[in-house]
Each structure stands twice: as C-alpha cells, then as structure tokens.
Amino acid sequence: MKSHIAVFTGLLLLAGGFMTTAQATEQAHQRREARDTRQDARQDARQDKRQCVVSNDKSNHECRQDKRQDKQDGRQEARDIKY
C-alpha cells in the first residue's frame, strides 16, 4: 500500500513539473512576441519620422512627438501581449 502511495505521489510531482515547463514555454513565447512587436514599432516609428521630415508636413518637434507616441503605442501593445 505504501508503494502505491509513493508511486501516486511521484506521478503527481512529475505532472506538476510538466505543467511548470509548459507555462515557462508559453511565457517565453509571449516574451518573444512582445519583443518582436516592440522592434517592429520602433522600426515603423523611424520610417514614419523620416517620411515626416522629408515631406516637410510638420515641424521637427511634431515629427519627434509622433515618433515618441508611435513607440509608446508599440510598448503598450507589447505589454498587452505579455500580461
């Protein structure tokens, strides 16, 4: 009887370990996706600022503020993915 309890306890601990591994893998996937989102937002913001400066539609200050807002939006989107 004691051996059955020991085997059952071992199986429970083993199952718990697999659940932790699955959670870690999912968390790593979310971190990667969030990082890619931030990197894409940065790149898009750079291109938008260059386009803004070249087209001379707005002042440099307004172009800079637009870039800053684009990057902030990307960070928020990454947070939404991650958490």
Protein backbone atom coordinates (compact mmCIF):
# COMPACT_ATOMS: atom_id res chain seq x y z
CA MET A 1 0.00 0.00 0.00
CA LYS A 2 2.82 2.40 0.84
CA SER A 3 4.44 1.74 -2.54
CA HIS A 4 1.18 2.72 -4.28
CA ILE A 5 1.09 5.98 -2.37
CA ALA A 6 4.73 6.66 -3.22
CA VAL A 7 4.11 5.97 -6.92
CA PHE A 8 1.00 8.16 -6.91
CA THR A 9 2.89 10.98 -5.17
CA GLY A 10 5.72 10.66 -7.70
CA LEU A 11 3.29 10.88 -10.59
CA LEU A 12 1.69 13.99 -9.12
CA LEU A 13 5.07 15.66 -8.75
CA LEU A 14 6.04 14.67 -12.29
CA ALA A 15 2.78 16.07 -13.69
CA GLY A 16 3.37 19.31 -11.79
CA GLY A 17 6.81 19.57 -13.35
CA PHE A 18 5.36 19.23 -16.86
CA MET A 19 2.81 21.94 -16.12
CA THR A 20 5.58 24.29 -14.98
CA THR A 21 7.58 23.57 -18.14
CA ALA A 22 4.54 24.26 -20.31
CA GLN A 23 3.93 27.55 -18.51
CA ALA A 24 7.58 28.58 -18.96
CA THR A 25 7.42 27.75 -22.67
CA GLU A 26 4.24 29.80 -23.09
CA GLN A 27 5.81 32.69 -21.19
CA ALA A 28 8.90 32.57 -23.41
CA HIS A 29 6.68 32.65 -26.49
CA GLN A 30 4.83 35.70 -25.14
CA ARG A 31 8.13 37.48 -24.38
CA ARG A 32 9.40 36.82 -27.90
CA GLU A 33 6.17 38.04 -29.45
CA ALA A 34 6.22 41.17 -27.28
CA ARG A 35 9.87 41.86 -28.19
CA ASP A 36 9.10 41.49 -31.90
CA THR A 37 6.16 43.86 -31.53
CA ARG A 38 8.37 46.49 -29.86
CA GLN A 39 11.06 46.13 -32.50
CA ASP A 40 8.52 46.48 -35.31
CA ALA A 41 7.04 49.57 -33.65
CA ARG A 42 10.49 51.16 -33.35
CA GLN A 43 11.30 50.48 -37.00
CA ASP A 44 7.92 51.83 -38.14
CA ALA A 45 8.39 54.93 -35.99
CA ARG A 46 11.82 55.57 -37.54
CA GLN A 47 10.41 55.27 -41.05
CA ASP A 48 7.43 57.47 -40.23
CA LYS A 49 9.71 60.16 -38.80
CA ARG A 50 11.96 60.09 -41.85
CA GLN A 51 8.92 60.38 -44.08
CA CYS A 52 7.55 63.22 -41.95
CA VAL A 53 10.83 65.17 -42.10
CA VAL A 54 11.26 64.59 -45.86
CA SER A 55 7.71 65.57 -46.73
CA ASN A 56 8.09 68.67 -44.53
CA ASP A 57 4.43 68.45 -43.45
CA LYS A 58 5.12 69.20 -39.80
CA SER A 59 7.77 70.82 -37.68
CA ASN A 60 10.64 68.69 -36.36
CA HIS A 61 9.05 68.88 -32.91
CA GLU A 62 5.76 67.45 -34.20
CA CYS A 63 7.57 64.67 -36.09
CA ARG A 64 9.52 63.81 -32.94
CA GLN A 65 6.33 63.73 -30.86
CA ASP A 66 4.66 61.46 -33.41
CA LYS A 67 7.63 59.08 -33.27
CA ARG A 68 7.55 59.10 -29.49
CA GLN A 69 3.82 58.32 -29.46
CA ASP A 70 4.24 55.51 -32.01
CA LYS A 71 6.93 53.90 -29.86
CA GLN A 72 4.76 54.26 -26.75
CA ASP A 73 1.84 52.62 -28.55
CA GLY A 74 4.14 49.74 -29.52
CA ARG A 75 5.24 49.31 -25.91
CA GLN A 76 1.63 49.23 -24.74
CA GLU A 77 0.74 46.64 -27.36
CA ALA A 78 3.71 44.53 -26.19
CA ARG A 79 2.50 44.80 -22.57
CA ASP A 80 -0.95 43.65 -23.66
CA ILE A 81 0.61 40.58 -25.30
CA LYS A 82 2.88 39.81 -22.37
CA TYR A 83 0.46 40.26 -19.48
